[in-house]
C-alpha atoms as a PDB file:
ATOM      1  CA  MET A   1     -22.842   0.883  -8.379  1.00  0.00           C
ATOM      2  CA  ASP A   2     -26.472  -0.363  -8.209  1.00  0.00           C
ATOM      3  CA  VAL A   3     -25.680  -3.774  -9.733  1.00  0.00           C
ATOM      4  CA  THR A   4     -28.815  -5.763 -10.562  1.00  0.00           C
ATOM      5  CA  GLY A   5     -29.195  -8.755  -8.252  1.00  0.00           C
ATOM      6  CA  LYS A   6     -26.489  -7.463  -5.886  1.00  0.00           C
ATOM      7  CA  THR A   7     -27.788  -4.125  -4.628  1.00  0.00           C
ATOM      8  CA  LYS A   8     -29.758  -3.866  -1.399  1.00  0.00           C
ATOM      9  CA  ASP A   9     -31.503  -0.830  -2.836  1.00  0.00           C
ATOM     10  CA  ASN A  10     -34.178  -2.948  -4.500  1.00  0.00           C
ATOM     11  CA  VAL A  11     -37.935  -2.554  -4.952  1.00  0.00           C
ATOM     12  CA  LYS A  12     -38.733  -4.295  -1.640  1.00  0.00           C
ATOM     13  CA  ALA A  13     -36.404  -1.948   0.257  1.00  0.00           C
ATOM     14  CA  ARG A  14     -38.026   1.069  -1.416  1.00  0.00           C
ATOM     15  CA  LEU A  15     -41.528  -0.157  -0.521  1.00  0.00           C
ATOM     16  CA  ASP A  16     -40.473  -0.189   3.159  1.00  0.00           C
ATOM     17  CA  LEU A  17     -39.321   3.435   3.060  1.00  0.00           C
ATOM     18  CA  PRO A  18     -42.687   5.168   3.700  1.00  0.00           C
ATOM     19  CA  GLU A  19     -43.073   3.114   6.868  1.00  0.00           C
ATOM     20  CA  HIS A  20     -39.583   3.707   8.290  1.00  0.00           C
ATOM     21  CA  CYS A  21     -38.327   7.136   7.160  1.00  0.00           C
ATOM     22  CA  ARG A  22     -39.190  10.383   5.436  1.00  0.00           C
ATOM     23  CA  ARG A  23     -37.495  10.173   2.051  1.00  0.00           C
ATOM     24  CA  SER A  24     -40.247  10.901  -0.377  1.00  0.00           C
ATOM     25  CA  GLU A  25     -37.771  11.322  -3.268  1.00  0.00           C
ATOM     26  CA  LEU A  26     -36.925   7.598  -2.963  1.00  0.00           C
ATOM     27  CA  HIS A  27     -40.492   6.271  -2.696  1.00  0.00           C
ATOM     28  CA  ILE A  28     -41.676   3.853  -5.375  1.00  0.00           C
ATOM     29  CA  GLN A  29     -43.774   5.556  -8.041  1.00  0.00           C
ATOM     30  CA  GLU A  30     -46.461   4.056 -10.207  1.00  0.00           C
ATOM     31  CA  SER A  31     -46.453   4.825 -13.919  1.00  0.00           C
ATOM     32  CA  ALA A  32     -49.466   5.395 -16.158  1.00  0.00           C
ATOM     33  CA  ASN A  33     -49.476   1.736 -17.186  1.00  0.00           C
ATOM     34  CA  LYS A  34     -49.299   0.774 -13.465  1.00  0.00           C
ATOM     35  CA  LYS A  35     -45.651  -0.307 -13.535  1.00  0.00           C
ATOM     36  CA  LEU A  36     -43.552   0.294 -10.428  1.00  0.00           C
ATOM     37  CA  LEU A  37     -40.715   2.779 -10.985  1.00  0.00           C
ATOM     38  CA  LYS A  38     -37.715   3.103  -8.687  1.00  0.00           C
ATOM     39  CA  PRO A  39     -36.476   6.732  -8.742  1.00  0.00           C
ATOM     40  CA  LYS A  40     -32.721   7.106  -9.160  1.00  0.00           C
ATOM     41  CA  ALA A  41     -31.039   7.855  -5.837  1.00  0.00           C
ATOM     42  CA  SER A  42     -28.363  10.541  -5.382  1.00  0.00           C
ATOM     43  CA  TYR A  43     -25.970   7.887  -4.025  1.00  0.00           C
ATOM     44  CA  SER A  44     -26.145   5.838  -7.258  1.00  0.00           C
ATOM     45  CA  PHE A  45     -24.104   6.482 -10.388  1.00  0.00           C
ATOM     46  CA  ALA A  46     -25.460   6.951 -13.883  1.00  0.00           C
ATOM     47  CA  MET A  47     -24.295   4.384 -16.464  1.00  0.00           C
ATOM     48  CA  GLU A  48     -21.790   6.839 -17.958  1.00  0.00           C
ATOM     49  CA  GLN A  49     -20.229   7.368 -14.514  1.00  0.00           C
ATOM     50  CA  LYS A  50     -20.061   3.611 -13.887  1.00  0.00           C
ATOM     51  CA  ARG A  51     -18.224   3.105 -17.169  1.00  0.00           C
ATOM     52  CA  LYS A  52     -15.717   5.834 -16.302  1.00  0.00           C
ATOM     53  CA  ILE A  53     -15.024   4.131 -12.959  1.00  0.00           C
ATOM     54  CA  CYS A  54     -14.503   0.797 -14.741  1.00  0.00           C
ATOM     55  CA  GLU A  55     -12.176   2.424 -17.285  1.00  0.00           C
ATOM     56  CA  TRP A  56     -10.176   3.958 -14.427  1.00  0.00           C
ATOM     57  CA  VAL A  57      -9.930   0.605 -12.597  1.00  0.00           C
ATOM     58  CA  GLN A  58      -8.836  -1.061 -15.835  1.00  0.00           C
ATOM     59  CA  SER A  59      -6.002   1.478 -16.268  1.00  0.00           C
ATOM     60  CA  LEU A  60      -4.594   1.033 -12.738  1.00  0.00           C
ATOM     61  CA  LYS A  61      -1.096  -0.402 -12.297  1.00  0.00           C
ATOM     62  CA  MET A  62      -0.430  -1.987  -8.898  1.00  0.00           C
ATOM     63  CA  PRO A  63       2.783  -3.506  -7.482  1.00  0.00           C
ATOM     64  CA  ASP A  64       3.278  -7.254  -8.045  1.00  0.00           C
ATOM     65  CA  GLY A  65       1.253  -9.286  -5.574  1.00  0.00           C
ATOM     66  CA  TYR A  66      -0.641  -6.274  -4.200  1.00  0.00           C
ATOM     67  CA  THR A  67      -3.925  -7.335  -5.811  1.00  0.00           C
ATOM     68  CA  SER A  68      -5.073  -9.606  -8.591  1.00  0.00           C
ATOM     69  CA  ASN A  69      -5.374  -8.038 -12.045  1.00  0.00           C
ATOM     70  CA  LEU A  70      -8.211  -5.586 -11.321  1.00  0.00           C
ATOM     71  CA  GLY A  71      -8.472  -4.749 -15.012  1.00  0.00           C
ATOM     72  CA  LYS A  72     -10.055  -8.154 -15.560  1.00  0.00           C
ATOM     73  CA  ARG A  73     -12.653  -7.389 -12.873  1.00  0.00           C
ATOM     74  CA  ALA A  74     -14.034  -4.346 -14.703  1.00  0.00           C
ATOM     75  CA  ASP A  75     -16.822  -4.789 -17.274  1.00  0.00           C
ATOM     76  CA  ILE A  76     -16.997  -1.429 -19.061  1.00  0.00           C
ATOM     77  CA  GLU A  77     -19.965  -2.352 -21.246  1.00  0.00           C
ATOM     78  CA  ARG A  78     -22.209  -3.241 -18.284  1.00  0.00           C
ATOM     79  CA  GLY A  79     -20.541  -0.766 -15.895  1.00  0.00           C
ATOM     80  CA  ILE A  80     -19.843  -3.271 -13.128  1.00  0.00           C
ATOM     81  CA  LEU A  81     -16.955  -4.712 -11.112  1.00  0.00           C
ATOM     82  CA  HIS A  82     -17.187  -8.489 -10.794  1.00  0.00           C
ATOM     83  CA  GLY A  83     -15.246 -11.506  -9.536  1.00  0.00           C
ATOM     84  CA  MET A  84     -13.247  -9.539  -6.968  1.00  0.00           C
ATOM     85  CA  LYS A  85     -11.616 -11.697  -4.298  1.00  0.00           C
ATOM     86  CA  SER A  86     -11.769 -10.824  -0.605  1.00  0.00           C
ATOM     87  CA  HIS A  87      -8.322  -9.182  -0.685  1.00  0.00           C
ATOM     88  CA  ASP A  88      -9.261  -7.143  -3.782  1.00  0.00           C
ATOM     89  CA  CYS A  89     -12.341  -5.855  -1.950  1.00  0.00           C
ATOM     90  CA  HIS A  90     -10.177  -4.824   1.017  1.00  0.00           C
ATOM     91  CA  VAL A  91      -7.790  -2.917  -1.270  1.00  0.00           C
ATOM     92  CA  PHE A  92     -10.705  -1.238  -3.044  1.00  0.00           C
ATOM     93  CA  MET A  93     -12.422  -0.250   0.195  1.00  0.00           C
ATOM     94  CA  GLU A  94      -9.279   0.963   1.995  1.00  0.00           C
ATOM     95  CA  GLN A  95      -7.351   2.579  -0.872  1.00  0.00           C
ATOM     96  CA  LEU A  96      -9.419   3.149  -4.017  1.00  0.00           C
ATOM     97  CA  LEU A  97     -12.971   3.908  -2.877  1.00  0.00           C
ATOM     98  CA  PRO A  98     -12.462   7.650  -2.092  1.00  0.00           C
ATOM     99  CA  ILE A  99     -10.918   8.190  -5.538  1.00  0.00           C
ATOM    100  CA  ALA A 100     -13.338   5.997  -7.492  1.00  0.00           C
ATOM    101  CA  PHE A 101     -16.444   7.510  -5.885  1.00  0.00           C
ATOM    102  CA  CYS A 102     -15.398  11.178  -5.941  1.00  0.00           C
ATOM    103  CA  GLY A 103     -18.152  11.780  -8.519  1.00  0.00           C
ATOM    104  CA  LEU A 104     -20.800  11.467  -5.795  1.00  0.00           C
ATOM    105  CA  PRO A 105     -22.277  14.607  -4.173  1.00  0.00           C
ATOM    106  CA  GLU A 106     -19.993  15.885  -1.418  1.00  0.00           C
ATOM    107  CA  ASN A 107     -22.451  15.176   1.409  1.00  0.00           C
ATOM    108  CA  ILE A 108     -22.503  11.506   0.300  1.00  0.00           C
ATOM    109  CA  TRP A 109     -18.851  11.142  -0.735  1.00  0.00           C
ATOM    110  CA  LYS A 110     -17.456  12.379   2.601  1.00  0.00           C
ATOM    111  CA  PRO A 111     -19.002   9.612   4.779  1.00  0.00           C
ATOM    112  CA  MET A 112     -17.907   7.061   2.147  1.00  0.00           C
ATOM    113  CA  ALA A 113     -14.345   8.392   2.337  1.00  0.00           C
ATOM    114  CA  GLU A 114     -14.505   8.368   6.145  1.00  0.00           C
ATOM    115  CA  ILE A 115     -15.545   4.699   6.324  1.00  0.00           C
ATOM    116  CA  SER A 116     -12.739   3.919   3.855  1.00  0.00           C
ATOM    117  CA  LEU A 117     -10.176   5.687   6.058  1.00  0.00           C
ATOM    118  CA  PHE A 118     -11.592   3.915   9.122  1.00  0.00           C
ATOM    119  CA  PHE A 119     -10.883   0.469   7.645  1.00  0.00           C
ATOM    120  CA  LYS A 120      -7.480   1.594   6.373  1.00  0.00           C
ATOM    121  CA  ASP A 121      -6.490   2.701   9.894  1.00  0.00           C
ATOM    122  CA  LEU A 122      -8.023  -0.376  11.517  1.00  0.00           C
ATOM    123  CA  CYS A 123      -6.078  -2.774   9.260  1.00  0.00           C
ATOM    124  CA  SER A 124      -2.725  -0.991   9.542  1.00  0.00           C
ATOM    125  CA  SER A 125       0.268  -2.871  10.952  1.00  0.00           C
ATOM    126  CA  THR A 126       0.712  -0.381  13.823  1.00  0.00           C
ATOM    127  CA  LEU A 127      -2.106   0.669  16.141  1.00  0.00           C
ATOM    128  CA  ARG A 128      -2.040   3.291  18.894  1.00  0.00           C
ATOM    129  CA  VAL A 129      -4.441   3.037  21.813  1.00  0.00           C
ATOM    130  CA  GLU A 130      -5.303   6.750  21.743  1.00  0.00           C
ATOM    131  CA  ASN A 131      -6.168   6.502  18.030  1.00  0.00           C
ATOM    132  CA  LEU A 132      -8.360   3.455  18.618  1.00  0.00           C
ATOM    133  CA  VAL A 133     -10.261   5.254  21.391  1.00  0.00           C
ATOM    134  CA  TRP A 134     -10.953   8.110  18.965  1.00  0.00           C
ATOM    135  CA  MET A 135     -11.925   5.658  16.190  1.00  0.00           C
ATOM    136  CA  ALA A 136     -14.385   3.901  18.521  1.00  0.00           C
ATOM    137  CA  LYS A 137     -16.224   7.198  19.020  1.00  0.00           C
ATOM    138  CA  ASN A 138     -15.951   8.286  15.390  1.00  0.00           C
ATOM    139  CA  ILE A 139     -17.305   5.078  13.811  1.00  0.00           C
ATOM    140  CA  VAL A 140     -20.633   5.664  15.553  1.00  0.00           C
ATOM    141  CA  VAL A 141     -20.848   9.107  13.941  1.00  0.00           C
ATOM    142  CA  ILE A 142     -19.843   7.734  10.507  1.00  0.00           C
ATOM    143  CA  THR A 143     -22.477   4.990  10.719  1.00  0.00           C
ATOM    144  CA  ASN A 144     -25.086   7.579  11.660  1.00  0.00           C
ATOM    145  CA  LYS A 145     -24.142   9.683   8.614  1.00  0.00           C
ATOM    146  CA  LEU A 146     -24.534   6.646   6.355  1.00  0.00           C
ATOM    147  CA  GLU A 147     -27.940   5.871   7.900  1.00  0.00           C
ATOM    148  CA  LYS A 148     -29.085   9.356   6.843  1.00  0.00           C
ATOM    149  CA  ILE A 149     -28.114   8.623   3.233  1.00  0.00           C
ATOM    150  CA  LEU A 150     -28.776   4.937   2.515  1.00  0.00           C
ATOM    151  CA  PRO A 151     -32.157   3.202   2.914  1.00  0.00           C
ATOM    152  CA  PRO A 152     -32.842   1.117   6.069  1.00  0.00           C
ATOM    153  CA  GLY A 153     -32.723  -2.100   4.006  1.00  0.00           C
ATOM    154  CA  PHE A 154     -28.969  -1.584   3.537  1.00  0.00           C
ATOM    155  CA  PHE A 155     -28.226  -1.994   7.239  1.00  0.00           C
ATOM    156  CA  ASP A 156     -27.968  -5.457   8.737  1.00  0.00           C
ATOM    157  CA  VAL A 157     -25.527  -7.093  11.157  1.00  0.00           C
ATOM    158  CA  MET A 158     -22.573  -6.641   8.762  1.00  0.00           C
ATOM    159  CA  GLU A 159     -23.022  -2.857   8.636  1.00  0.00           C
ATOM    160  CA  HIS A 160     -23.294  -2.816  12.432  1.00  0.00           C
ATOM    161  CA  LEU A 161     -20.112  -4.890  12.899  1.00  0.00           C
ATOM    162  CA  PRO A 162     -17.530  -2.048  12.467  1.00  0.00           C
ATOM    163  CA  ILE A 163     -18.686  -0.584  15.787  1.00  0.00           C
ATOM    164  CA  HIS A 164     -17.280  -3.689  17.535  1.00  0.00           C
ATOM    165  CA  LEU A 165     -14.098  -4.077  15.454  1.00  0.00           C
ATOM    166  CA  VAL A 166     -12.236  -1.324  17.298  1.00  0.00           C
ATOM    167  CA  HIS A 167     -12.854  -3.116  20.616  1.00  0.00           C
ATOM    168  CA  GLU A 168     -11.424  -6.315  19.057  1.00  0.00           C
ATOM    169  CA  ALA A 169      -8.325  -4.392  17.970  1.00  0.00           C
ATOM    170  CA  LEU A 170      -7.865  -3.046  21.512  1.00  0.00           C
ATOM    171  CA  LEU A 171      -7.989  -6.597  22.867  1.00  0.00           C
ATOM    172  CA  GLY A 172      -6.157  -8.494  20.120  1.00  0.00           C
ATOM    173  CA  GLY A 173      -3.874  -5.987  18.428  1.00  0.00           C
ATOM    174  CA  PRO A 174      -3.408  -5.541  14.648  1.00  0.00           C
ATOM    175  CA  VAL A 175      -5.529  -7.870  12.500  1.00  0.00           C
ATOM    176  CA  GLN A 176      -2.663  -9.507  10.605  1.00  0.00           C
ATOM    177  CA  TYR A 177      -0.827 -10.607  13.785  1.00  0.00           C
ATOM    178  CA  ARG A 178      -3.681 -12.398  15.544  1.00  0.00           C
ATOM    179  CA  SER A 179      -3.133 -15.781  13.928  1.00  0.00           C
ATOM    180  CA  ILE A 180       0.481 -16.553  13.111  1.00  0.00           C
ATOM    181  CA  GLY A 181       1.582 -20.160  12.712  1.00  0.00           C
ATOM    182  CA  LYS A 182       5.128 -21.425  13.185  1.00  0.00           C
ATOM    183  CA  SER A 183       7.017 -22.308  10.045  1.00  0.00           C
ATOM    184  CA  LYS A 184       8.842 -25.637  10.084  1.00  0.00           C
ATOM    185  CA  ARG A 185      10.934 -24.808   7.064  1.00  0.00           C
ATOM    186  CA  GLY A 186      14.409 -23.446   7.642  1.00  0.00           C
ATOM    187  CA  ILE A 187      15.364 -20.247   5.878  1.00  0.00           C
ATOM    188  CA  LYS A 188      18.762 -20.207   4.260  1.00  0.00           C
ATOM    189  CA  ASN A 189      20.204 -17.118   2.674  1.00  0.00           C
ATOM    190  CA  LYS A 190      21.886 -18.048  -0.587  1.00  0.00           C
ATOM    191  CA  HIS A 191      22.305 -14.530  -1.879  1.00  0.00           C
ATOM    192  CA  ARG A 192      24.743 -12.862   0.500  1.00  0.00           C
ATOM    193  CA  VAL A 193      27.844 -11.236  -0.864  1.00  0.00           C
ATOM    194  CA  GLU A 194      30.732 -13.607  -0.244  1.00  0.00           C
ATOM    195  CA  GLY A 195      33.378 -12.302   2.157  1.00  0.00           C
ATOM    196  CA  LEU A 196      31.286  -9.410   3.497  1.00  0.00           C
ATOM    197  CA  GLN A 197      28.713 -11.230   5.662  1.00  0.00           C
ATOM    198  CA  SER A 198      30.031  -9.442   8.745  1.00  0.00           C
ATOM    199  CA  LEU A 199      28.582  -6.099   7.567  1.00  0.00           C
ATOM    200  CA  SER A 200      24.836  -5.841   8.093  1.00  0.00           C
ATOM    201  CA  ILE A 201      24.077  -4.017   4.843  1.00  0.00           C
ATOM    202  CA  PHE A 202      25.191  -7.135   2.937  1.00  0.00           C
ATOM    203  CA  ASN A 203      23.236  -9.425   5.245  1.00  0.00           C
ATOM    204  CA  GLN A 204      19.893  -8.996   3.440  1.00  0.00           C
ATOM    205  CA  PRO A 205      18.575 -11.904   1.356  1.00  0.00           C
ATOM    206  CA  GLY A 206      18.183 -10.644  -2.180  1.00  0.00           C
ATOM    207  CA  LYS A 207      17.902 -12.118  -5.656  1.00  0.00           C
ATOM    208  CA  GLY A 208      18.134 -10.348  -8.995  1.00  0.00           C
ATOM    209  CA  SER A 209      16.856 -11.349 -12.402  1.00  0.00           C
ATOM    210  CA  LYS A 210      18.933 -13.855 -14.411  1.00  0.00           C
ATOM    211  CA  LYS A 211      19.408 -11.511 -17.344  1.00  0.00           C
ATOM    212  CA  ARG A 212      22.233  -9.124 -16.421  1.00  0.00           C
ATOM    213  CA  THR A 213      24.467  -6.688 -18.260  1.00  0.00           C
ATOM    214  CA  LEU A 214      28.022  -5.745 -17.309  1.00  0.00           C
ATOM    215  CA  CYS A 215      28.159  -2.005 -16.713  1.00  0.00           C
ATOM    216  CA  LYS A 216      30.920   0.525 -16.218  1.00  0.00           C
ATOM    217  CA  LEU A 217      30.052   3.239 -13.709  1.00  0.00           C
ATOM    218  CA  THR A 218      31.018   6.854 -14.115  1.00  0.00           C
ATOM    219  CA  GLU A 219      33.097   8.345 -11.302  1.00  0.00           C
ATOM    220  CA  LYS A 220      30.022  10.103  -9.908  1.00  0.00           C
ATOM    221  CA  GLU A 221      27.931   6.869  -9.973  1.00  0.00           C
ATOM    222  CA  LYS A 222      30.757   4.907  -8.361  1.00  0.00           C
ATOM    223  CA  LYS A 223      31.100   7.496  -5.618  1.00  0.00           C
ATOM    224  CA  SER A 224      27.328   7.564  -5.007  1.00  0.00           C
ATOM    225  CA  ALA A 225      27.131   3.759  -4.767  1.00  0.00           C
ATOM    226  CA  GLU A 226      30.095   3.571  -2.394  1.00  0.00           C
ATOM    227  CA  LEU A 227      28.751   6.376  -0.198  1.00  0.00           C
ATOM    228  CA  HIS A 228      25.301   4.738  -0.099  1.00  0.00           C
ATOM    229  CA  VAL A 229      26.820   1.543   1.303  1.00  0.00           C
ATOM    230  CA  LEU A 230      28.862   3.404   3.918  1.00  0.00           C
ATOM    231  CA  LEU A 231      25.986   5.619   5.083  1.00  0.00           C
ATOM    232  CA  ASN A 232      23.588   2.660   5.407  1.00  0.00           C
ATOM    233  CA  CYS A 233      25.951   0.362   7.270  1.00  0.00           C
ATOM    234  CA  PRO A 234      25.457   0.652  11.086  1.00  0.00           C
ATOM    235  CA  GLU A 235      29.016  -0.593  11.671  1.00  0.00           C
ATOM    236  CA  VAL A 236      30.327   2.534   9.913  1.00  0.00           C
ATOM    237  CA  GLN A 237      28.076   4.904  11.901  1.00  0.00           C
ATOM    238  CA  PRO A 238      30.702   5.746  14.594  1.00  0.00           C
ATOM    239  CA  PHE A 239      33.116   6.875  11.854  1.00  0.00           C
ATOM    240  CA  LEU A 240      30.392   9.009  10.246  1.00  0.00           C
ATOM    241  CA  ASP A 241      29.441  10.609  13.572  1.00  0.00           C
ATOM    242  CA  TYR A 242      33.069  11.534  14.260  1.00  0.00           C
ATOM    243  CA  PHE A 243      33.528  12.914  10.726  1.00  0.00           C
ATOM    244  CA  VAL A 244      30.375  15.073  10.970  1.00  0.00           C
ATOM    245  CA  SER A 245      31.432  16.411  14.371  1.00  0.00           C
ATOM    246  CA  GLN A 246      34.790  17.485  12.895  1.00  0.00           C
ATOM    247  CA  TYR A 247      33.868  18.667   9.386  1.00  0.00           C
ATOM    248  CA  GLY A 248      30.066  19.079   9.240  1.00  0.00           C
ATOM    249  CA  HIS A 249      27.276  17.470   7.186  1.00  0.00           C
ATOM    250  CA  ASP A 250      28.014  19.439   4.021  1.00  0.00           C
ATOM    251  CA  GLN A 251      31.363  17.651   3.650  1.00  0.00           C
ATOM    252  CA  VAL A 252      29.943  14.089   3.738  1.00  0.00           C
ATOM    253  CA  PHE A 253      29.437  13.674  -0.031  1.00  0.00           C
ATOM    254  CA  PRO A 254      32.667  15.309  -1.237  1.00  0.00           C
ATOM    255  CA  SER A 255      35.065  14.065   1.451  1.00  0.00           C
ATOM    256  CA  PHE A 256      33.802  11.210   3.649  1.00  0.00           C
ATOM    257  CA  ILE A 257      34.909   8.310   1.393  1.00  0.00           C
ATOM    258  CA  THR A 258      38.479   9.581   1.132  1.00  0.00           C
ATOM    259  CA  TRP A 259      38.643  10.345   4.860  1.00  0.00           C
ATOM    260  CA  TYR A 260      37.243   6.921   5.795  1.00  0.00           C
ATOM    261  CA  THR A 261      39.707   5.071   3.523  1.00  0.00           C
ATOM    262  CA  ASN A 262      42.674   6.979   4.926  1.00  0.00           C
ATOM    263  CA  TRP A 263      41.467   6.396   8.495  1.00  0.00           C
ATOM    264  CA  VAL A 264      41.068   2.598   8.282  1.00  0.00           C
ATOM    265  CA  TYR A 265      44.315   2.181   6.347  1.00  0.00           C
ATOM    266  CA  ASN A 266      46.293   4.451   8.650  1.00  0.00           C
ATOM    267  CA  SER A 267      49.164   2.371  10.114  1.00  0.00           C
ATOM    268  CA  LYS A 268      48.407   3.773  13.576  1.00  0.00           C
ATOM    269  CA  ASN A 269      44.869   2.362  13.460  1.00  0.00           C
ATOM    270  CA  ALA A 270      45.545  -0.805  11.434  1.00  0.00           C
ATOM    271  CA  ALA A 271      45.511  -3.176  14.406  1.00  0.00           C
ATOM    272  CA  THR A 272      42.121  -1.958  15.654  1.00  0.00           C
ATOM    273  CA  PHE A 273      40.103  -2.664  12.486  1.00  0.00           C
ATOM    274  CA  ASP A 274      38.758  -5.879  11.029  1.00  0.00           C
ATOM    275  CA  GLN A 275      39.699  -6.491   7.381  1.00  0.00           C
ATOM    276  CA  PHE A 276      36.027  -5.996   6.444  1.00  0.00           C
ATOM    277  CA  PHE A 277      36.258  -2.293   7.327  1.00  0.00           C
ATOM    278  CA  LYS A 278      39.097  -1.973   4.836  1.00  0.00           C
ATOM    279  CA  ASP A 279      37.371  -4.037   2.137  1.00  0.00           C
ATOM    280  CA  ILE A 280      34.277  -1.849   2.300  1.00  0.00           C
ATOM    281  CA  SER A 281      36.341   1.209   1.394  1.00  0.00           C
ATOM    282  CA  TRP A 282      37.330  -0.189  -2.006  1.00  0.00           C
ATOM    283  CA  GLY A 283      33.933   0.535  -3.525  1.00  0.00           C
ATOM    284  CA  PRO A 284      32.317  -1.441  -6.375  1.00  0.00           C
ATOM    285  CA  VAL A 285      34.664  -3.117  -8.820  1.00  0.00           C
ATOM    286  CA  THR A 286      32.393  -5.034 -11.225  1.00  0.00           C
ATOM    287  CA  VAL A 287      28.793  -3.885 -11.650  1.00  0.00           C
ATOM    288  CA  HIS A 288      25.935  -5.755 -13.309  1.00  0.00           C
ATOM    289  CA  THR A 289      22.653  -4.066 -14.158  1.00  0.00           C
ATOM    290  CA  MET A 290      19.392  -6.016 -14.037  1.00  0.00           C
ATOM    291  CA  HIS A 291      15.758  -5.122 -14.648  1.00  0.00           C
ATOM    292  CA  GLN A 292      14.390  -6.676 -11.448  1.00  0.00           C
ATOM    293  CA  TYR A 293      15.524  -7.361  -7.871  1.00  0.00           C
ATOM    294  CA  ASN A 294      13.769  -9.077  -4.948  1.00  0.00           C
ATOM    295  CA  VAL A 295      14.793  -8.213  -1.392  1.00  0.00           C
ATOM    296  CA  ASN A 296      13.094  -8.358   2.042  1.00  0.00           C
ATOM    297  CA  GLY A 297       9.857  -9.580   0.474  1.00  0.00           C
ATOM    298  CA  PHE A 298       9.657  -6.659  -1.975  1.00  0.00           C
ATOM    299  CA  LYS A 299      10.115  -6.741  -5.741  1.00  0.00           C
ATOM    300  CA  PHE A 300      11.719  -3.737  -7.430  1.00  0.00           C
ATOM    301  CA  ALA A 301      11.797  -3.230 -11.194  1.00  0.00           C
ATOM    302  CA  THR A 302      13.161  -0.579 -13.524  1.00  0.00           C
ATOM    303  CA  GLU A 303      10.768   1.931 -15.075  1.00  0.00           C
ATOM    304  CA  LYS A 304      11.569   0.651 -18.572  1.00  0.00           C
ATOM    305  CA  TYR A 305      10.771  -2.953 -17.568  1.00  0.00           C
ATOM    306  CA  SER A 306       7.455  -1.944 -15.902  1.00  0.00           C
ATOM    307  CA  LYS A 307       6.288   0.208 -18.804  1.00  0.00           C
ATOM    308  CA  ASN A 308       4.424  -2.519 -20.703  1.00  0.00           C
ATOM    309  CA  LYS A 309       3.464  -4.624 -17.666  1.00  0.00           C
ATOM    310  CA  LYS A 310       0.097  -4.818 -15.908  1.00  0.00           C
ATOM    311  CA  THR A 311       1.923  -4.232 -12.622  1.00  0.00           C
ATOM    312  CA  ASN A 312       4.337  -1.455 -11.689  1.00  0.00           C
ATOM    313  CA  ASN A 313       7.222  -1.776  -9.225  1.00  0.00           C
ATOM    314  CA  SER A 314       9.310   1.164 -10.409  1.00  0.00           C
ATOM    315  CA  GLY A 315       7.796   3.907  -8.246  1.00  0.00           C
ATOM    316  CA  VAL A 316      10.445   3.836  -5.514  1.00  0.00           C
END
């Protein structure tokens, strides 16, 4: 982005170029009035391109809590991104950089995209040893590609550090699990469905928005909701496996609910089933709609609710 006062591609770095490498197109030039001119590099954007990147960043809609409001970090007039926190920089480098910088020449954009993917893989929650071994070899190649593009003044200990990060991951595992403290606070679930705690699908702590509307489901919606609960409840899995073995997968939607209800209420089987297995077959009775629901650390919102928000949680 070649931000004044921030870039390492300054006049001093350009003056060192003739001594360290053959990049005559980047050498400082002297004008007629003896002023030093810094030729524009192919890895730098023109002002119009910078403004387009800032406009794009300003239009982004992220999930709640994923980043700060990046729109406030974009200055379209000056064509810069400013005030980004450490986490915002990680998100930009790992997720947004290949898209934002696609206007660069291909021979420059590709190494940029590769270093972005490297950090995305390195910071993932699951690491495989064979992948890390490959990454350890590949980061050397990526760094070499960048050294062919950017001036020597860009490279200091921080640009050399990625070569060692893979070794740290091999020794210490995923980044986010290396320093986990013990919480002294007890966690109590106040949002379980009363009377159905024995079934695991209802054992997830969730909380909806306070504003709710009573809703009457159509027969198709009621059937879909009931089937969703049955299919996602591990306790019901043995019944589903038996049904599929007898009637096939194509009969699950049209017939499984009726078959399951008849099976658990059959007088021959009545003594073998807990009351919860019978209760689950009733399906939803009263339904409330809400625009937002929090569960398992995730926040889900309806598309209508997210439409005029800076964040978007409706893409699931």
